[in-house]
Amino acid sequence: DQLVATWRLTAVTSGELASMLLVASHV
């Protein structure tokens, strides 16, 4: 829920956020 709420305050696209999540998990 916090991720979604924070996302709404940025200009990050859905594709960019998905990629960021995958990279963070992998690292």
PDB file of all heavy atoms in Angstrom:
ATOM      1  N   ASP A   1       0.830  -1.203   0.000  1.00  0.00           N
ATOM      2  CA  ASP A   1       0.000   0.000   0.000  1.00  0.00           C
ATOM      3  C   ASP A   1       0.868   1.258   0.000  1.00  0.00           C
ATOM      4  O   ASP A   1       0.583   2.234  -0.707  1.00  0.00           O
ATOM      5  CB  ASP A   1      -0.919   0.020   1.230  1.00  0.00           C
ATOM      6  CG  ASP A   1      -2.043  -1.011   1.139  1.00  0.00           C
ATOM      7  OD1 ASP A   1      -2.286  -1.518   0.023  1.00  0.00           O
ATOM      8  OD2 ASP A   1      -2.664  -1.292   2.181  1.00  0.00           O
ATOM      9  N   GLN A   2       1.955   1.221   0.788  1.00  0.00           N
ATOM     10  CA  GLN A   2       2.860   2.363   0.850  1.00  0.00           C
ATOM     11  C   GLN A   2       3.563   2.576  -0.485  1.00  0.00           C
ATOM     12  O   GLN A   2       3.770   3.714  -0.923  1.00  0.00           O
ATOM     13  CB  GLN A   2       3.896   2.149   1.962  1.00  0.00           C
ATOM     14  CG  GLN A   2       4.873   3.303   2.143  1.00  0.00           C
ATOM     15  CD  GLN A   2       4.182   4.598   2.535  1.00  0.00           C
ATOM     16  OE1 GLN A   2       3.208   4.584   3.276  1.00  0.00           O
ATOM     17  NE2 GLN A   2       4.686   5.718   2.021  1.00  0.00           N
ATOM     18  N   LEU A   3       3.904   1.465  -1.153  1.00  0.00           N
ATOM     19  CA  LEU A   3       4.540   1.557  -2.469  1.00  0.00           C
ATOM     20  C   LEU A   3       3.619   2.271  -3.457  1.00  0.00           C
ATOM     21  O   LEU A   3       4.043   3.185  -4.178  1.00  0.00           O
ATOM     22  CB  LEU A   3       4.878   0.160  -2.982  1.00  0.00           C
ATOM     23  CG  LEU A   3       5.432   0.083  -4.413  1.00  0.00           C
ATOM     24  CD1 LEU A   3       6.799   0.752  -4.497  1.00  0.00           C
ATOM     25  CD2 LEU A   3       5.504  -1.366  -4.885  1.00  0.00           C
ATOM     26  N   VAL A   4       2.356   1.869  -3.486  1.00  0.00           N
ATOM     27  CA  VAL A   4       1.401   2.480  -4.415  1.00  0.00           C
ATOM     28  C   VAL A   4       1.197   3.951  -4.082  1.00  0.00           C
ATOM     29  O   VAL A   4       1.180   4.821  -4.970  1.00  0.00           O
ATOM     30  CB  VAL A   4       0.064   1.715  -4.398  1.00  0.00           C
ATOM     31  CG1 VAL A   4      -0.986   2.460  -5.231  1.00  0.00           C
ATOM     32  CG2 VAL A   4       0.254   0.303  -4.929  1.00  0.00           C
ATOM     33  N   ALA A   5       1.048   4.263  -2.804  1.00  0.00           N
ATOM     34  CA  ALA A   5       0.823   5.653  -2.389  1.00  0.00           C
ATOM     35  C   ALA A   5       2.015   6.530  -2.775  1.00  0.00           C
ATOM     36  O   ALA A   5       1.840   7.679  -3.219  1.00  0.00           O
ATOM     37  CB  ALA A   5       0.585   5.707  -0.885  1.00  0.00           C
ATOM     38  N   THR A   6       3.204   6.005  -2.604  1.00  0.00           N
ATOM     39  CA  THR A   6       4.406   6.758  -2.946  1.00  0.00           C
ATOM     40  C   THR A   6       4.547   6.907  -4.456  1.00  0.00           C
ATOM     41  O   THR A   6       4.957   7.962  -4.956  1.00  0.00           O
ATOM     42  CB  THR A   6       5.648   6.053  -2.359  1.00  0.00           C
ATOM     43  OG1 THR A   6       5.456   5.827  -0.969  1.00  0.00           O
ATOM     44  CG2 THR A   6       6.898   6.909  -2.551  1.00  0.00           C
ATOM     45  N   TRP A   7       4.212   5.853  -5.182  1.00  0.00           N
ATOM     46  CA  TRP A   7       4.279   5.879  -6.648  1.00  0.00           C
ATOM     47  C   TRP A   7       3.411   7.007  -7.217  1.00  0.00           C
ATOM     48  O   TRP A   7       3.790   7.688  -8.167  1.00  0.00           O
ATOM     49  CB  TRP A   7       3.848   4.517  -7.190  1.00  0.00           C
ATOM     50  CG  TRP A   7       3.868   4.368  -8.680  1.00  0.00           C
ATOM     51  CD1 TRP A   7       4.644   5.061  -9.571  1.00  0.00           C
ATOM     52  CD2 TRP A   7       3.076   3.463  -9.454  1.00  0.00           C
ATOM     53  NE1 TRP A   7       4.394   4.632 -10.859  1.00  0.00           N
ATOM     54  CE2 TRP A   7       3.441   3.660 -10.811  1.00  0.00           C
ATOM     55  CE3 TRP A   7       2.108   2.504  -9.121  1.00  0.00           C
ATOM     56  CZ2 TRP A   7       2.854   2.932 -11.842  1.00  0.00           C
ATOM     57  CZ3 TRP A   7       1.539   1.768 -10.142  1.00  0.00           C
ATOM     58  CH2 TRP A   7       1.900   1.976 -11.496  1.00  0.00           C
ATOM     59  N   ARG A   8       2.251   7.228  -6.627  1.00  0.00           N
ATOM     60  CA  ARG A   8       1.322   8.251  -7.111  1.00  0.00           C
ATOM     61  C   ARG A   8       1.901   9.651  -7.032  1.00  0.00           C
ATOM     62  O   ARG A   8       1.413  10.575  -7.693  1.00  0.00           O
ATOM     63  CB  ARG A   8       0.020   8.181  -6.309  1.00  0.00           C
ATOM     64  CG  ARG A   8      -0.823   6.958  -6.615  1.00  0.00           C
ATOM     65  CD  ARG A   8      -2.009   6.848  -5.682  1.00  0.00           C
ATOM     66  NE  ARG A   8      -2.842   5.682  -6.020  1.00  0.00           N
ATOM     67  CZ  ARG A   8      -3.785   5.190  -5.235  1.00  0.00           C
ATOM     68  NH1 ARG A   8      -4.034   5.763  -4.058  1.00  0.00           N
ATOM     69  NH2 ARG A   8      -4.495   4.135  -5.617  1.00  0.00           N
ATOM     70  N   LEU A   9       2.927   9.832  -6.242  1.00  0.00           N
ATOM     71  CA  LEU A   9       3.538  11.159  -6.069  1.00  0.00           C
ATOM     72  C   LEU A   9       4.707  11.385  -7.015  1.00  0.00           C
ATOM     73  O   LEU A   9       5.386  12.414  -6.925  1.00  0.00           O
ATOM     74  CB  LEU A   9       4.011  11.324  -4.620  1.00  0.00           C
ATOM     75  CG  LEU A   9       2.931  11.177  -3.539  1.00  0.00           C
ATOM     76  CD1 LEU A   9       3.557  11.274  -2.157  1.00  0.00           C
ATOM     77  CD2 LEU A   9       1.840  12.221  -3.721  1.00  0.00           C
ATOM     78  N   THR A  10       4.958  10.428  -7.911  1.00  0.00           N
ATOM     79  CA  THR A  10       6.084  10.532  -8.829  1.00  0.00           C
ATOM     80  C   THR A  10       5.600  10.482 -10.278  1.00  0.00           C
ATOM     81  O   THR A  10       4.422  10.249 -10.554  1.00  0.00           O
ATOM     82  CB  THR A  10       7.080   9.378  -8.607  1.00  0.00           C
ATOM     83  OG1 THR A  10       6.511   8.150  -9.118  1.00  0.00           O
ATOM     84  CG2 THR A  10       7.412   9.207  -7.130  1.00  0.00           C
ATOM     85  N   ALA A  11       6.558  10.678 -11.184  1.00  0.00           N
ATOM     86  CA  ALA A  11       6.267  10.573 -12.617  1.00  0.00           C
ATOM     87  C   ALA A  11       6.766   9.246 -13.181  1.00  0.00           C
ATOM     88  O   ALA A  11       6.847   9.066 -14.397  1.00  0.00           O
ATOM     89  CB  ALA A  11       6.925  11.735 -13.357  1.00  0.00           C
ATOM     90  N   VAL A  12       7.096   8.316 -12.325  1.00  0.00           N
ATOM     91  CA  VAL A  12       7.605   7.014 -12.751  1.00  0.00           C
ATOM     92  C   VAL A  12       6.504   6.233 -13.459  1.00  0.00           C
ATOM     93  O   VAL A  12       5.371   6.153 -12.965  1.00  0.00           O
ATOM     94  CB  VAL A  12       8.131   6.222 -11.539  1.00  0.00           C
ATOM     95  CG1 VAL A  12       8.490   4.788 -11.922  1.00  0.00           C
ATOM     96  CG2 VAL A  12       9.351   6.931 -10.946  1.00  0.00           C
ATOM     97  N   THR A  13       6.825   5.643 -14.602  1.00  0.00           N
ATOM     98  CA  THR A  13       5.835   4.867 -15.347  1.00  0.00           C
ATOM     99  C   THR A  13       5.679   3.484 -14.734  1.00  0.00           C
ATOM    100  O   THR A  13       6.515   3.032 -13.942  1.00  0.00           O
ATOM    101  CB  THR A  13       6.252   4.717 -16.817  1.00  0.00           C
ATOM    102  OG1 THR A  13       7.423   3.895 -16.884  1.00  0.00           O
ATOM    103  CG2 THR A  13       6.533   6.069 -17.447  1.00  0.00           C
ATOM    104  N   SER A  14       4.620   2.796 -15.130  1.00  0.00           N
ATOM    105  CA  SER A  14       4.384   1.448 -14.614  1.00  0.00           C
ATOM    106  C   SER A  14       5.515   0.507 -15.024  1.00  0.00           C
ATOM    107  O   SER A  14       5.950  -0.335 -14.233  1.00  0.00           O
ATOM    108  CB  SER A  14       3.032   0.923 -15.103  1.00  0.00           C
ATOM    109  OG  SER A  14       2.980   0.919 -16.510  1.00  0.00           O
ATOM    110  N   GLY A  15       5.991   0.652 -16.251  1.00  0.00           N
ATOM    111  CA  GLY A  15       7.088  -0.196 -16.704  1.00  0.00           C
ATOM    112  C   GLY A  15       8.364   0.062 -15.933  1.00  0.00           C
ATOM    113  O   GLY A  15       9.101  -0.866 -15.591  1.00  0.00           O
ATOM    114  N   GLU A  16       8.622   1.329 -15.650  1.00  0.00           N
ATOM    115  CA  GLU A  16       9.823   1.677 -14.881  1.00  0.00           C
ATOM    116  C   GLU A  16       9.736   1.129 -13.458  1.00  0.00           C
ATOM    117  O   GLU A  16      10.715   0.580 -12.925  1.00  0.00           O
ATOM    118  CB  GLU A  16       9.992   3.198 -14.861  1.00  0.00           C
ATOM    119  CG  GLU A  16      10.408   3.783 -16.197  1.00  0.00           C
ATOM    120  CD  GLU A  16      10.349   5.297 -16.226  1.00  0.00           C
ATOM    121  OE1 GLU A  16       9.652   5.888 -15.354  1.00  0.00           O
ATOM    122  OE2 GLU A  16      10.981   5.893 -17.112  1.00  0.00           O
ATOM    123  N   LEU A  17       8.586   1.265 -12.831  1.00  0.00           N
ATOM    124  CA  LEU A  17       8.435   0.766 -11.462  1.00  0.00           C
ATOM    125  C   LEU A  17       8.570  -0.750 -11.414  1.00  0.00           C
ATOM    126  O   LEU A  17       9.224  -1.297 -10.511  1.00  0.00           O
ATOM    127  CB  LEU A  17       7.083   1.183 -10.893  1.00  0.00           C
ATOM    128  CG  LEU A  17       6.789   0.702  -9.459  1.00  0.00           C
ATOM    129  CD1 LEU A  17       7.866   1.200  -8.498  1.00  0.00           C
ATOM    130  CD2 LEU A  17       5.407   1.152  -9.008  1.00  0.00           C
ATOM    131  N   ALA A  18       7.974  -1.435 -12.380  1.00  0.00           N
ATOM    132  CA  ALA A  18       8.093  -2.896 -12.418  1.00  0.00           C
ATOM    133  C   ALA A  18       9.555  -3.313 -12.535  1.00  0.00           C
ATOM    134  O   ALA A  18      10.010  -4.236 -11.841  1.00  0.00           O
ATOM    135  CB  ALA A  18       7.274  -3.451 -13.585  1.00  0.00           C
ATOM    136  N   SER A  19      10.295  -2.633 -13.392  1.00  0.00           N
ATOM    137  CA  SER A  19      11.720  -2.960 -13.567  1.00  0.00           C
ATOM    138  C   SER A  19      12.504  -2.666 -12.297  1.00  0.00           C
ATOM    139  O   SER A  19      13.400  -3.427 -11.917  1.00  0.00           O
ATOM    140  CB  SER A  19      12.298  -2.166 -14.738  1.00  0.00           C
ATOM    141  OG  SER A  19      11.682  -2.537 -15.949  1.00  0.00           O
ATOM    142  N   MET A  20      12.187  -1.568 -11.633  1.00  0.00           N
ATOM    143  CA  MET A  20      12.875  -1.219 -10.384  1.00  0.00           C
ATOM    144  C   MET A  20      12.638  -2.277  -9.317  1.00  0.00           C
ATOM    145  O   MET A  20      13.555  -2.643  -8.567  1.00  0.00           O
ATOM    146  CB  MET A  20      12.407   0.151  -9.903  1.00  0.00           C
ATOM    147  CG  MET A  20      12.846   1.303 -10.805  1.00  0.00           C
ATOM    148  SD  MET A  20      11.939   2.838 -10.495  1.00  0.00           S
ATOM    149  CE  MET A  20      12.669   3.360  -8.944  1.00  0.00           C
ATOM    150  N   LEU A  21      11.418  -2.778  -9.238  1.00  0.00           N
ATOM    151  CA  LEU A  21      11.106  -3.836  -8.276  1.00  0.00           C
ATOM    152  C   LEU A  21      11.904  -5.097  -8.560  1.00  0.00           C
ATOM    153  O   LEU A  21      12.458  -5.733  -7.647  1.00  0.00           O
ATOM    154  CB  LEU A  21       9.614  -4.145  -8.310  1.00  0.00           C
ATOM    155  CG  LEU A  21       8.690  -3.197  -7.562  1.00  0.00           C
ATOM    156  CD1 LEU A  21       7.247  -3.412  -7.995  1.00  0.00           C
ATOM    157  CD2 LEU A  21       8.839  -3.382  -6.054  1.00  0.00           C
ATOM    158  N   LEU A  22      11.972  -5.482  -9.830  1.00  0.00           N
ATOM    159  CA  LEU A  22      12.693  -6.698 -10.203  1.00  0.00           C
ATOM    160  C   LEU A  22      14.182  -6.569  -9.909  1.00  0.00           C
ATOM    161  O   LEU A  22      14.816  -7.510  -9.424  1.00  0.00           O
ATOM    162  CB  LEU A  22      12.459  -7.007 -11.684  1.00  0.00           C
ATOM    163  CG  LEU A  22      11.033  -7.412 -12.060  1.00  0.00           C
ATOM    164  CD1 LEU A  22      10.889  -7.487 -13.572  1.00  0.00           C
ATOM    165  CD2 LEU A  22      10.653  -8.740 -11.418  1.00  0.00           C
ATOM    166  N   VAL A  23      14.751  -5.412 -10.206  1.00  0.00           N
ATOM    167  CA  VAL A  23      16.176  -5.191  -9.936  1.00  0.00           C
ATOM    168  C   VAL A  23      16.451  -5.241  -8.436  1.00  0.00           C
ATOM    169  O   VAL A  23      17.415  -5.874  -7.982  1.00  0.00           O
ATOM    170  CB  VAL A  23      16.637  -3.849 -10.528  1.00  0.00           C
ATOM    171  CG1 VAL A  23      18.037  -3.497 -10.032  1.00  0.00           C
ATOM    172  CG2 VAL A  23      16.631  -3.909 -12.053  1.00  0.00           C
ATOM    173  N   ALA A  24      15.602  -4.572  -7.642  1.00  0.00           N
ATOM    174  CA  ALA A  24      15.805  -4.560  -6.191  1.00  0.00           C
ATOM    175  C   ALA A  24      15.752  -5.968  -5.624  1.00  0.00           C
ATOM    176  O   ALA A  24      16.575  -6.353  -4.773  1.00  0.00           O
ATOM    177  CB  ALA A  24      14.742  -3.687  -5.524  1.00  0.00           C
ATOM    178  N   SER A  25      14.799  -6.764  -6.072  1.00  0.00           N
ATOM    179  CA  SER A  25      14.672  -8.137  -5.591  1.00  0.00           C
ATOM    180  C   SER A  25      15.876  -8.979  -5.984  1.00  0.00           C
ATOM    181  O   SER A  25      16.393  -9.770  -5.186  1.00  0.00           O
ATOM    182  CB  SER A  25      13.392  -8.762  -6.142  1.00  0.00           C
ATOM    183  OG  SER A  25      13.245 -10.092  -5.705  1.00  0.00           O
ATOM    184  N   HIS A  26      16.331  -8.790  -7.217  1.00  0.00           N
ATOM    185  CA  HIS A  26      17.481  -9.567  -7.698  1.00  0.00           C
ATOM    186  C   HIS A  26      18.742  -9.227  -6.903  1.00  0.00           C
ATOM    187  O   HIS A  26      19.490 -10.125  -6.493  1.00  0.00           O
ATOM    188  CB  HIS A  26      17.698  -9.287  -9.183  1.00  0.00           C
ATOM    189  CG  HIS A  26      18.883 -10.002  -9.762  1.00  0.00           C
ATOM    190  ND1 HIS A  26      18.890 -11.356 -10.006  1.00  0.00           N
ATOM    191  CD2 HIS A  26      20.117  -9.546 -10.123  1.00  0.00           C
ATOM    192  CE1 HIS A  26      20.064 -11.706 -10.503  1.00  0.00           C
ATOM    193  NE2 HIS A  26      20.823 -10.629 -10.581  1.00  0.00           N
ATOM    194  N   VAL A  27      18.986  -7.933  -6.701  1.00  0.00           N
ATOM    195  CA  VAL A  27      20.184  -7.509  -5.958  1.00  0.00           C
ATOM    196  C   VAL A  27      20.141  -8.033  -4.528  1.00  0.00           C
ATOM    197  O   VAL A  27      21.156  -8.514  -3.994  1.00  0.00           O
ATOM    198  CB  VAL A  27      20.306  -5.976  -5.971  1.00  0.00           C
ATOM    199  CG1 VAL A  27      21.397  -5.508  -5.008  1.00  0.00           C
ATOM    200  CG2 VAL A  27      20.607  -5.475  -7.379  1.00  0.00           C
TER     201      VAL A  27
END
